[in-house]
Amino acid sequence: MSASKLNTPEPAGPLLVRSLGQRLTLPTGSVRVHKNGIEFRSPEAFSAWTEMTVELETPEDERRIQANGVVVACAGNRHEGFTVSMVFTNLSPQSQARLHTLAAGFFM
């Protein structure tokens, strides 16, 4: 996945990531939303093909997008952090529509 941020306010609130009992809360600036997944910066590495659950929330709309996905790439090191790419699987039509709106409106 590749993306570039626009100079607009960040739409996503903190990102909650859960995987095998681990729970991470990631700051807004470390998340890039795509129409079929996300990229985020993490202090921890994740193995490829790890199944994860994420919750994404926008400040203007308190409804959360909860999605399951699979890590397809993780690059970086423990000193600078890791960039994790995740593709969503089995999104509900409502969550997919909201995700497309976020991806189109705020991230490219």
PDB file of N, CA and C in Angstrom:
ATOM      1  N   MET A   1       0.836  -1.168   0.000  1.00  0.00           N
ATOM      2  CA  MET A   1       0.000   0.000   0.000  1.00  0.00           C
ATOM      3  C   MET A   1       0.878   1.227   0.000  1.00  0.00           C
ATOM      4  N   SER A   2       0.475   2.227  -0.734  1.00  0.00           N
ATOM      5  CA  SER A   2       1.172   3.495  -0.648  1.00  0.00           C
ATOM      6  C   SER A   2       0.134   4.588  -0.507  1.00  0.00           C
ATOM      7  N   ALA A   3       0.504   5.618   0.210  1.00  0.00           N
ATOM      8  CA  ALA A   3      -0.434   6.707   0.444  1.00  0.00           C
ATOM      9  C   ALA A   3       0.341   7.962   0.767  1.00  0.00           C
ATOM     10  N   SER A   4      -0.311   9.081   0.565  1.00  0.00           N
ATOM     11  CA  SER A   4       0.265  10.349   0.988  1.00  0.00           C
ATOM     12  C   SER A   4      -0.813  11.135   1.701  1.00  0.00           C
ATOM     13  N   LYS A   5      -0.439  11.849   2.734  1.00  0.00           N
ATOM     14  CA  LYS A   5      -1.399  12.614   3.504  1.00  0.00           C
ATOM     15  C   LYS A   5      -1.660  13.950   2.840  1.00  0.00           C
ATOM     16  N   LEU A   6      -2.892  14.412   2.958  1.00  0.00           N
ATOM     17  CA  LEU A   6      -3.241  15.751   2.545  1.00  0.00           C
ATOM     18  C   LEU A   6      -3.055  16.669   3.742  1.00  0.00           C
ATOM     19  N   ASN A   7      -2.953  17.950   3.505  1.00  0.00           N
ATOM     20  CA  ASN A   7      -2.820  18.895   4.597  1.00  0.00           C
ATOM     21  C   ASN A   7      -4.203  19.272   5.118  1.00  0.00           C
ATOM     22  N   THR A   8      -4.886  18.324   5.706  1.00  0.00           N
ATOM     23  CA  THR A   8      -6.199  18.525   6.288  1.00  0.00           C
ATOM     24  C   THR A   8      -6.181  17.962   7.689  1.00  0.00           C
ATOM     25  N   PRO A   9      -7.179  18.336   8.496  1.00  0.00           N
ATOM     26  CA  PRO A   9      -7.213  17.781   9.839  1.00  0.00           C
ATOM     27  C   PRO A   9      -7.305  16.264   9.805  1.00  0.00           C
ATOM     28  N   GLU A  10      -6.730  15.640  10.782  1.00  0.00           N
ATOM     29  CA  GLU A  10      -6.747  14.186  10.865  1.00  0.00           C
ATOM     30  C   GLU A  10      -8.155  13.721  11.219  1.00  0.00           C
ATOM     31  N   PRO A  11      -8.742  12.811  10.463  1.00  0.00           N
ATOM     32  CA  PRO A  11     -10.096  12.385  10.754  1.00  0.00           C
ATOM     33  C   PRO A  11     -10.199  11.301  11.810  1.00  0.00           C
ATOM     34  N   ALA A  12      -9.195  10.531  11.993  1.00  0.00           N
ATOM     35  CA  ALA A  12      -9.311   9.369  12.853  1.00  0.00           C
ATOM     36  C   ALA A  12      -8.881   9.694  14.268  1.00  0.00           C
ATOM     37  N   GLY A  13      -9.661   9.227  15.212  1.00  0.00           N
ATOM     38  CA  GLY A  13      -9.278   9.341  16.599  1.00  0.00           C
ATOM     39  C   GLY A  13      -8.235   8.276  16.888  1.00  0.00           C
ATOM     40  N   PRO A  14      -7.957   8.044  18.154  1.00  0.00           N
ATOM     41  CA  PRO A  14      -6.980   7.005  18.453  1.00  0.00           C
ATOM     42  C   PRO A  14      -7.411   5.678  17.841  1.00  0.00           C
ATOM     43  N   LEU A  15      -6.445   4.934  17.360  1.00  0.00           N
ATOM     44  CA  LEU A  15      -6.702   3.633  16.758  1.00  0.00           C
ATOM     45  C   LEU A  15      -6.426   2.574  17.807  1.00  0.00           C
ATOM     46  N   LEU A  16      -7.405   1.725  18.041  1.00  0.00           N
ATOM     47  CA  LEU A  16      -7.238   0.640  18.987  1.00  0.00           C
ATOM     48  C   LEU A  16      -6.965  -0.627  18.195  1.00  0.00           C
ATOM     49  N   VAL A  17      -5.868  -1.292  18.485  1.00  0.00           N
ATOM     50  CA  VAL A  17      -5.481  -2.508  17.777  1.00  0.00           C
ATOM     51  C   VAL A  17      -5.413  -3.641  18.786  1.00  0.00           C
ATOM     52  N   ARG A  18      -6.080  -4.755  18.448  1.00  0.00           N
ATOM     53  CA  ARG A  18      -6.040  -5.923  19.328  1.00  0.00           C
ATOM     54  C   ARG A  18      -5.569  -7.128  18.534  1.00  0.00           C
ATOM     55  N   SER A  19      -4.637  -7.864  19.116  1.00  0.00           N
ATOM     56  CA  SER A  19      -4.122  -9.074  18.475  1.00  0.00           C
ATOM     57  C   SER A  19      -3.640 -10.033  19.544  1.00  0.00           C
ATOM     58  N   LEU A  20      -4.257 -11.187  19.602  1.00  0.00           N
ATOM     59  CA  LEU A  20      -3.839 -12.244  20.529  1.00  0.00           C
ATOM     60  C   LEU A  20      -3.615 -11.725  21.950  1.00  0.00           C
ATOM     61  N   GLY A  21      -4.577 -10.997  22.462  1.00  0.00           N
ATOM     62  CA  GLY A  21      -4.485 -10.498  23.829  1.00  0.00           C
ATOM     63  C   GLY A  21      -3.728  -9.196  23.972  1.00  0.00           C
ATOM     64  N   GLN A  22      -3.000  -8.758  22.943  1.00  0.00           N
ATOM     65  CA  GLN A  22      -2.304  -7.473  22.996  1.00  0.00           C
ATOM     66  C   GLN A  22      -3.291  -6.369  22.636  1.00  0.00           C
ATOM     67  N   ARG A  23      -3.104  -5.193  23.186  1.00  0.00           N
ATOM     68  CA  ARG A  23      -3.943  -4.054  22.863  1.00  0.00           C
ATOM     69  C   ARG A  23      -3.051  -2.831  22.758  1.00  0.00           C
ATOM     70  N   LEU A  24      -3.100  -2.163  21.611  1.00  0.00           N
ATOM     71  CA  LEU A  24      -2.342  -0.936  21.385  1.00  0.00           C
ATOM     72  C   LEU A  24      -3.301   0.208  21.109  1.00  0.00           C
ATOM     73  N   THR A  25      -3.036   1.370  21.653  1.00  0.00           N
ATOM     74  CA  THR A  25      -3.758   2.583  21.295  1.00  0.00           C
ATOM     75  C   THR A  25      -2.751   3.472  20.579  1.00  0.00           C
ATOM     76  N   LEU A  26      -3.035   3.767  19.314  1.00  0.00           N
ATOM     77  CA  LEU A  26      -2.093   4.514  18.484  1.00  0.00           C
ATOM     78  C   LEU A  26      -2.589   5.929  18.237  1.00  0.00           C
ATOM     79  N   PRO A  27      -1.703   6.915  18.250  1.00  0.00           N
ATOM     80  CA  PRO A  27      -2.115   8.299  18.006  1.00  0.00           C
ATOM     81  C   PRO A  27      -2.557   8.513  16.561  1.00  0.00           C
ATOM     82  N   THR A  28      -3.394   9.524  16.375  1.00  0.00           N
ATOM     83  CA  THR A  28      -3.970   9.846  15.078  1.00  0.00           C
ATOM     84  C   THR A  28      -2.927  10.007  13.984  1.00  0.00           C
ATOM     85  N   GLY A  29      -1.841  10.687  14.254  1.00  0.00           N
ATOM     86  CA  GLY A  29      -0.833  10.962  13.239  1.00  0.00           C
ATOM     87  C   GLY A  29      -0.097   9.738  12.736  1.00  0.00           C
ATOM     88  N   SER A  30      -0.296   8.603  13.374  1.00  0.00           N
ATOM     89  CA  SER A  30       0.424   7.405  12.952  1.00  0.00           C
ATOM     90  C   SER A  30      -0.426   6.486  12.081  1.00  0.00           C
ATOM     91  N   VAL A  31      -1.592   6.962  11.628  1.00  0.00           N
ATOM     92  CA  VAL A  31      -2.535   6.119  10.889  1.00  0.00           C
ATOM     93  C   VAL A  31      -2.805   6.703   9.505  1.00  0.00           C
ATOM     94  N   ARG A  32      -2.782   5.842   8.488  1.00  0.00           N
ATOM     95  CA  ARG A  32      -3.198   6.199   7.124  1.00  0.00           C
ATOM     96  C   ARG A  32      -4.320   5.257   6.727  1.00  0.00           C
ATOM     97  N   VAL A  33      -5.441   5.841   6.326  1.00  0.00           N
ATOM     98  CA  VAL A  33      -6.606   5.047   5.967  1.00  0.00           C
ATOM     99  C   VAL A  33      -6.649   4.862   4.463  1.00  0.00           C
ATOM    100  N   HIS A  34      -6.919   3.636   4.026  1.00  0.00           N
ATOM    101  CA  HIS A  34      -7.088   3.300   2.621  1.00  0.00           C
ATOM    102  C   HIS A  34      -8.461   2.673   2.454  1.00  0.00           C
ATOM    103  N   LYS A  35      -8.925   2.556   1.226  1.00  0.00           N
ATOM    104  CA  LYS A  35     -10.258   2.000   1.016  1.00  0.00           C
ATOM    105  C   LYS A  35     -10.351   0.517   1.361  1.00  0.00           C
ATOM    106  N   ASN A  36      -9.228  -0.185   1.411  1.00  0.00           N
ATOM    107  CA  ASN A  36      -9.272  -1.615   1.716  1.00  0.00           C
ATOM    108  C   ASN A  36      -8.411  -2.004   2.918  1.00  0.00           C
ATOM    109  N   GLY A  37      -7.888  -1.012   3.645  1.00  0.00           N
ATOM    110  CA  GLY A  37      -7.061  -1.328   4.800  1.00  0.00           C
ATOM    111  C   GLY A  37      -6.460  -0.086   5.409  1.00  0.00           C
ATOM    112  N   ILE A  38      -5.454  -0.275   6.228  1.00  0.00           N
ATOM    113  CA  ILE A  38      -4.780   0.836   6.893  1.00  0.00           C
ATOM    114  C   ILE A  38      -3.286   0.565   6.963  1.00  0.00           C
ATOM    115  N   GLU A  39      -2.536   1.638   7.170  1.00  0.00           N
ATOM    116  CA  GLU A  39      -1.125   1.581   7.541  1.00  0.00           C
ATOM    117  C   GLU A  39      -1.012   2.338   8.847  1.00  0.00           C
ATOM    118  N   PHE A  40      -0.204   1.841   9.751  1.00  0.00           N
ATOM    119  CA  PHE A  40      -0.005   2.569  10.995  1.00  0.00           C
ATOM    120  C   PHE A  40       1.400   2.345  11.517  1.00  0.00           C
ATOM    121  N   ARG A  41       1.860   3.310  12.301  1.00  0.00           N
ATOM    122  CA  ARG A  41       3.155   3.215  12.966  1.00  0.00           C
ATOM    123  C   ARG A  41       2.919   2.581  14.318  1.00  0.00           C
ATOM    124  N   SER A  42       3.784   1.648  14.657  1.00  0.00           N
ATOM    125  CA  SER A  42       3.638   0.926  15.903  1.00  0.00           C
ATOM    126  C   SER A  42       5.001   0.793  16.578  1.00  0.00           C
ATOM    127  N   PRO A  43       5.021   0.859  17.898  1.00  0.00           N
ATOM    128  CA  PRO A  43       6.274   0.604  18.606  1.00  0.00           C
ATOM    129  C   PRO A  43       6.626  -0.885  18.626  1.00  0.00           C
ATOM    130  N   GLU A  44       5.643  -1.739  18.264  1.00  0.00           N
ATOM    131  CA  GLU A  44       5.851  -3.183  18.277  1.00  0.00           C
ATOM    132  C   GLU A  44       5.753  -3.751  16.867  1.00  0.00           C
ATOM    133  N   ALA A  45       6.517  -4.789  16.604  1.00  0.00           N
ATOM    134  CA  ALA A  45       6.453  -5.473  15.305  1.00  0.00           C
ATOM    135  C   ALA A  45       5.314  -6.487  15.318  1.00  0.00           C
ATOM    136  N   PHE A  46       4.757  -6.724  14.135  1.00  0.00           N
ATOM    137  CA  PHE A  46       3.730  -7.749  13.959  1.00  0.00           C
ATOM    138  C   PHE A  46       4.182  -8.660  12.833  1.00  0.00           C
ATOM    139  N   SER A  47       3.989  -9.947  13.000  1.00  0.00           N
ATOM    140  CA  SER A  47       4.349 -10.906  11.959  1.00  0.00           C
ATOM    141  C   SER A  47       3.354 -10.835  10.812  1.00  0.00           C
ATOM    142  N   ALA A  48       3.851 -11.053   9.598  1.00  0.00           N
ATOM    143  CA  ALA A  48       2.966 -11.112   8.439  1.00  0.00           C
ATOM    144  C   ALA A  48       1.943 -12.219   8.662  1.00  0.00           C
ATOM    145  N   TRP A  49       0.752 -11.990   8.190  1.00  0.00           N
ATOM    146  CA  TRP A  49      -0.396 -12.894   8.256  1.00  0.00           C
ATOM    147  C   TRP A  49      -1.000 -13.002   9.641  1.00  0.00           C
ATOM    148  N   THR A  50      -0.598 -12.110  10.554  1.00  0.00           N
ATOM    149  CA  THR A  50      -1.228 -12.057  11.862  1.00  0.00           C
ATOM    150  C   THR A  50      -2.631 -11.485  11.709  1.00  0.00           C
ATOM    151  N   GLU A  51      -3.625 -12.165  12.268  1.00  0.00           N
ATOM    152  CA  GLU A  51      -4.992 -11.657  12.242  1.00  0.00           C
ATOM    153  C   GLU A  51      -5.171 -10.679  13.387  1.00  0.00           C
ATOM    154  N   MET A  52      -5.828  -9.544  13.085  1.00  0.00           N
ATOM    155  CA  MET A  52      -5.989  -8.489  14.069  1.00  0.00           C
ATOM    156  C   MET A  52      -7.387  -7.903  13.991  1.00  0.00           C
ATOM    157  N   THR A  53      -7.796  -7.255  15.058  1.00  0.00           N
ATOM    158  CA  THR A  53      -9.038  -6.486  15.093  1.00  0.00           C
ATOM    159  C   THR A  53      -8.666  -5.043  15.386  1.00  0.00           C
ATOM    160  N   VAL A  54      -9.256  -4.097  14.640  1.00  0.00           N
ATOM    161  CA  VAL A  54      -9.010  -2.683  14.883  1.00  0.00           C
ATOM    162  C   VAL A  54     -10.336  -1.964  15.081  1.00  0.00           C
ATOM    163  N   GLU A  55     -10.301  -0.886  15.851  1.00  0.00           N
ATOM    164  CA  GLU A  55     -11.436   0.000  16.018  1.00  0.00           C
ATOM    165  C   GLU A  55     -10.965   1.394  15.623  1.00  0.00           C
ATOM    166  N   LEU A  56     -11.690   2.017  14.723  1.00  0.00           N
ATOM    167  CA  LEU A  56     -11.336   3.334  14.213  1.00  0.00           C
ATOM    168  C   LEU A  56     -12.509   4.256  14.460  1.00  0.00           C
ATOM    169  N   GLU A  57     -12.230   5.450  14.991  1.00  0.00           N
ATOM    170  CA  GLU A  57     -13.284   6.378  15.367  1.00  0.00           C
ATOM    171  C   GLU A  57     -12.912   7.772  14.869  1.00  0.00           C
ATOM    172  N   THR A  58     -13.902   8.535  14.387  1.00  0.00           N
ATOM    173  CA  THR A  58     -13.659   9.906  13.955  1.00  0.00           C
ATOM    174  C   THR A  58     -14.160  10.877  15.019  1.00  0.00           C
ATOM    175  N   PRO A  59     -13.533  12.039  15.149  1.00  0.00           N
ATOM    176  CA  PRO A  59     -13.964  12.998  16.170  1.00  0.00           C
ATOM    177  C   PRO A  59     -15.388  13.508  15.949  1.00  0.00           C
ATOM    178  N   GLU A  60     -15.799  13.704  14.687  1.00  0.00           N
ATOM    179  CA  GLU A  60     -17.132  14.254  14.429  1.00  0.00           C
ATOM    180  C   GLU A  60     -18.226  13.198  14.460  1.00  0.00           C
ATOM    181  N   ASP A  61     -17.883  11.947  14.487  1.00  0.00           N
ATOM    182  CA  ASP A  61     -18.857  10.862  14.497  1.00  0.00           C
ATOM    183  C   ASP A  61     -18.340   9.800  15.451  1.00  0.00           C
ATOM    184  N   GLU A  62     -19.019   9.622  16.558  1.00  0.00           N
ATOM    185  CA  GLU A  62     -18.513   8.719  17.588  1.00  0.00           C
ATOM    186  C   GLU A  62     -18.740   7.248  17.285  1.00  0.00           C
ATOM    187  N   ARG A  63     -19.416   6.935  16.160  1.00  0.00           N
ATOM    188  CA  ARG A  63     -19.572   5.529  15.795  1.00  0.00           C
ATOM    189  C   ARG A  63     -18.216   4.975  15.394  1.00  0.00           C
ATOM    190  N   ARG A  64     -17.918   3.808  15.854  1.00  0.00           N
ATOM    191  CA  ARG A  64     -16.626   3.181  15.555  1.00  0.00           C
ATOM    192  C   ARG A  64     -16.757   2.231  14.385  1.00  0.00           C
ATOM    193  N   ILE A  65     -15.682   2.156  13.612  1.00  0.00           N
ATOM    194  CA  ILE A  65     -15.562   1.119  12.604  1.00  0.00           C
ATOM    195  C   ILE A  65     -14.752   0.017  13.261  1.00  0.00           C
ATOM    196  N   GLN A  66     -15.350  -1.136  13.397  1.00  0.00           N
ATOM    197  CA  GLN A  66     -14.609  -2.274  13.933  1.00  0.00           C
ATOM    198  C   GLN A  66     -14.395  -3.240  12.782  1.00  0.00           C
ATOM    199  N   ALA A  67     -13.144  -3.615  12.569  1.00  0.00           N
ATOM    200  CA  ALA A  67     -12.815  -4.452  11.422  1.00  0.00           C
ATOM    201  C   ALA A  67     -11.778  -5.494  11.788  1.00  0.00           C
ATOM    202  N   ASN A  68     -11.900  -6.630  11.164  1.00  0.00           N
ATOM    203  CA  ASN A  68     -10.889  -7.679  11.258  1.00  0.00           C
ATOM    204  C   ASN A  68     -10.004  -7.560  10.034  1.00  0.00           C
ATOM    205  N   GLY A  69      -8.758  -7.923  10.180  1.00  0.00           N
ATOM    206  CA  GLY A  69      -7.851  -7.844   9.056  1.00  0.00           C
ATOM    207  C   GLY A  69      -6.633  -8.713   9.250  1.00  0.00           C
ATOM    208  N   VAL A  70      -5.755  -8.644   8.269  1.00  0.00           N
ATOM    209  CA  VAL A  70      -4.537  -9.436   8.255  1.00  0.00           C
ATOM    210  C   VAL A  70      -3.356  -8.509   7.962  1.00  0.00           C
ATOM    211  N   VAL A  71      -2.288  -8.655   8.720  1.00  0.00           N
ATOM    212  CA  VAL A  71      -1.064  -7.897   8.470  1.00  0.00           C
ATOM    213  C   VAL A  71      -0.412  -8.455   7.213  1.00  0.00           C
ATOM    214  N   VAL A  72      -0.156  -7.576   6.229  1.00  0.00           N
ATOM    215  CA  VAL A  72       0.490  -8.031   4.999  1.00  0.00           C
ATOM    216  C   VAL A  72       1.947  -7.582   4.921  1.00  0.00           C
ATOM    217  N   ALA A  73       2.333  -6.610   5.745  1.00  0.00           N
ATOM    218  CA  ALA A  73       3.728  -6.166   5.766  1.00  0.00           C
ATOM    219  C   ALA A  73       4.012  -5.451   7.077  1.00  0.00           C
ATOM    220  N   CYS A  74       5.249  -5.571   7.531  1.00  0.00           N
ATOM    221  CA  CYS A  74       5.707  -4.866   8.720  1.00  0.00           C
ATOM    222  C   CYS A  74       7.195  -4.594   8.526  1.00  0.00           C
ATOM    223  N   ALA A  75       7.548  -3.318   8.487  1.00  0.00           N
ATOM    224  CA  ALA A  75       8.950  -2.950   8.256  1.00  0.00           C
ATOM    225  C   ALA A  75       9.382  -1.915   9.285  1.00  0.00           C
ATOM    226  N   GLY A  76      10.630  -1.975   9.678  1.00  0.00           N
ATOM    227  CA  GLY A  76      11.169  -1.003  10.608  1.00  0.00           C
ATOM    228  C   GLY A  76      12.108  -1.673  11.588  1.00  0.00           C
ATOM    229  N   ASN A  77      12.326  -0.982  12.711  1.00  0.00           N
ATOM    230  CA  ASN A  77      13.175  -1.545  13.757  1.00  0.00           C
ATOM    231  C   ASN A  77      12.690  -1.050  15.109  1.00  0.00           C
ATOM    232  N   ARG A  78      13.200  -1.639  16.160  1.00  0.00           N
ATOM    233  CA  ARG A  78      12.712  -1.316  17.498  1.00  0.00           C
ATOM    234  C   ARG A  78      13.099   0.086  17.966  1.00  0.00           C
ATOM    235  N   HIS A  79      14.091   0.691  17.318  1.00  0.00           N
ATOM    236  CA  HIS A  79      14.530   2.025  17.718  1.00  0.00           C
ATOM    237  C   HIS A  79      13.669   3.121  17.101  1.00  0.00           C
ATOM    238  N   GLU A  80      13.254   2.927  15.862  1.00  0.00           N
ATOM    239  CA  GLU A  80      12.475   3.944  15.147  1.00  0.00           C
ATOM    240  C   GLU A  80      11.002   3.590  15.024  1.00  0.00           C
ATOM    241  N   GLY A  81      10.627   2.378  15.349  1.00  0.00           N
ATOM    242  CA  GLY A  81       9.246   1.934  15.230  1.00  0.00           C
ATOM    243  C   GLY A  81       9.028   1.161  13.944  1.00  0.00           C
ATOM    244  N   PHE A  82       7.820   0.659  13.782  1.00  0.00           N
ATOM    245  CA  PHE A  82       7.483  -0.192  12.654  1.00  0.00           C
ATOM    246  C   PHE A  82       6.311   0.401  11.886  1.00  0.00           C
ATOM    247  N   THR A  83       6.324   0.238  10.575  1.00  0.00           N
ATOM    248  CA  THR A  83       5.184   0.590   9.733  1.00  0.00           C
ATOM    249  C   THR A  83       4.473  -0.707   9.398  1.00  0.00           C
ATOM    250  N   VAL A  84       3.225  -0.804   9.820  1.00  0.00           N
ATOM    251  CA  VAL A  84       2.436  -2.018   9.649  1.00  0.00           C
ATOM    252  C   VAL A  84       1.361  -1.754   8.598  1.00  0.00           C
ATOM    253  N   SER A  85       1.272  -2.615   7.595  1.00  0.00           N
ATOM    254  CA  SER A  85       0.230  -2.544   6.574  1.00  0.00           C
ATOM    255  C   SER A  85      -0.743  -3.677   6.817  1.00  0.00           C
ATOM    256  N   MET A  86      -2.022  -3.330   6.846  1.00  0.00           N
ATOM    257  CA  MET A  86      -3.058  -4.299   7.162  1.00  0.00           C
ATOM    258  C   MET A  86      -4.179  -4.199   6.145  1.00  0.00           C
ATOM    259  N   VAL A  87      -4.660  -5.329   5.670  1.00  0.00           N
ATOM    260  CA  VAL A  87      -5.791  -5.385   4.742  1.00  0.00           C
ATOM    261  C   VAL A  87      -6.989  -5.910   5.528  1.00  0.00           C
ATOM    262  N   PHE A  88      -8.142  -5.237   5.363  1.00  0.00           N
ATOM    263  CA  PHE A  88      -9.348  -5.661   6.063  1.00  0.00           C
ATOM    264  C   PHE A  88     -10.000  -6.851   5.374  1.00  0.00           C
ATOM    265  N   THR A  89     -10.638  -7.682   6.176  1.00  0.00           N
ATOM    266  CA  THR A  89     -11.385  -8.827   5.660  1.00  0.00           C
ATOM    267  C   THR A  89     -12.794  -8.786   6.244  1.00  0.00           C
ATOM    268  N   ASN A  90     -13.767  -9.176   5.465  1.00  0.00           N
ATOM    269  CA  ASN A  90     -15.157  -9.312   5.924  1.00  0.00           C
ATOM    270  C   ASN A  90     -15.737  -8.048   6.558  1.00  0.00           C
ATOM    271  N   LEU A  91     -15.556  -6.890   5.920  1.00  0.00           N
ATOM    272  CA  LEU A  91     -16.169  -5.663   6.411  1.00  0.00           C
ATOM    273  C   LEU A  91     -17.665  -5.679   6.116  1.00  0.00           C
ATOM    274  N   SER A  92     -18.442  -5.163   7.065  1.00  0.00           N
ATOM    275  CA  SER A  92     -19.871  -5.017   6.801  1.00  0.00           C
ATOM    276  C   SER A  92     -20.042  -3.920   5.747  1.00  0.00           C
ATOM    277  N   PRO A  93     -21.147  -3.913   5.009  1.00  0.00           N
ATOM    278  CA  PRO A  93     -21.368  -2.864   4.014  1.00  0.00           C
ATOM    279  C   PRO A  93     -21.339  -1.455   4.621  1.00  0.00           C
ATOM    280  N   GLN A  94     -21.862  -1.295   5.843  1.00  0.00           N
ATOM    281  CA  GLN A  94     -21.854   0.018   6.495  1.00  0.00           C
ATOM    282  C   GLN A  94     -20.426   0.453   6.845  1.00  0.00           C
ATOM    283  N   SER A  95     -19.650  -0.460   7.391  1.00  0.00           N
ATOM    284  CA  SER A  95     -18.262  -0.133   7.737  1.00  0.00           C
ATOM    285  C   SER A  95     -17.443   0.149   6.486  1.00  0.00           C
ATOM    286  N   GLN A  96     -17.681  -0.613   5.425  1.00  0.00           N
ATOM    287  CA  GLN A  96     -16.960  -0.401   4.178  1.00  0.00           C
ATOM    288  C   GLN A  96     -17.289   0.971   3.590  1.00  0.00           C
ATOM    289  N   ALA A  97     -18.546   1.383   3.651  1.00  0.00           N
ATOM    290  CA  ALA A  97     -18.933   2.703   3.146  1.00  0.00           C
ATOM    291  C   ALA A  97     -18.277   3.812   3.965  1.00  0.00           C
ATOM    292  N   ARG A  98     -18.250   3.673   5.270  1.00  0.00           N
ATOM    293  CA  ARG A  98     -17.611   4.686   6.125  1.00  0.00           C
ATOM    294  C   ARG A  98     -16.111   4.737   5.889  1.00  0.00           C
ATOM    295  N   LEU A  99     -15.491   3.571   5.707  1.00  0.00           N
ATOM    296  CA  LEU A  99     -14.061   3.512   5.442  1.00  0.00           C
ATOM    297  C   LEU A  99     -13.735   4.173   4.104  1.00  0.00           C
ATOM    298  N   HIS A 100     -14.550   3.926   3.078  1.00  0.00           N
ATOM    299  CA  HIS A 100     -14.350   4.559   1.779  1.00  0.00           C
ATOM    300  C   HIS A 100     -14.467   6.077   1.893  1.00  0.00           C
ATOM    301  N   THR A 101     -15.411   6.554   2.696  1.00  0.00           N
ATOM    302  CA  THR A 101     -15.576   7.985   2.906  1.00  0.00           C
ATOM    303  C   THR A 101     -14.338   8.577   3.570  1.00  0.00           C
ATOM    304  N   LEU A 102     -13.823   7.911   4.577  1.00  0.00           N
ATOM    305  CA  LEU A 102     -12.607   8.386   5.248  1.00  0.00           C
ATOM    306  C   LEU A 102     -11.421   8.391   4.277  1.00  0.00           C
ATOM    307  N   ALA A 103     -11.274   7.307   3.535  1.00  0.00           N
ATOM    308  CA  ALA A 103     -10.141   7.184   2.615  1.00  0.00           C
ATOM    309  C   ALA A 103     -10.214   8.236   1.516  1.00  0.00           C
ATOM    310  N   ALA A 104     -11.388   8.472   0.964  1.00  0.00           N
ATOM    311  CA  ALA A 104     -11.545   9.433  -0.125  1.00  0.00           C
ATOM    312  C   ALA A 104     -11.476  10.875   0.348  1.00  0.00           C
ATOM    313  N   GLY A 105     -12.003  11.132   1.541  1.00  0.00           N
ATOM    314  CA  GLY A 105     -12.102  12.504   2.021  1.00  0.00           C
ATOM    315  C   GLY A 105     -10.858  13.041   2.677  1.00  0.00           C
ATOM    316  N   PHE A 106     -10.070  12.198   3.283  1.00  0.00           N
ATOM    317  CA  PHE A 106      -8.958  12.682   4.078  1.00  0.00           C
ATOM    318  C   PHE A 106      -7.619  12.105   3.692  1.00  0.00           C
ATOM    319  N   PHE A 107      -7.589  10.934   3.097  1.00  0.00           N
ATOM    320  CA  PHE A 107      -6.327  10.296   2.742  1.00  0.00           C
ATOM    321  C   PHE A 107      -6.404   9.846   1.306  1.00  0.00           C
ATOM    322  N   MET A 108      -5.286   9.769   0.638  1.00  0.00           N
ATOM    323  CA  MET A 108      -5.251   9.292  -0.728  1.00  0.00           C
ATOM    324  C   MET A 108      -4.236   8.183  -0.820  1.00  0.00           C
TER     325      MET A 108
END
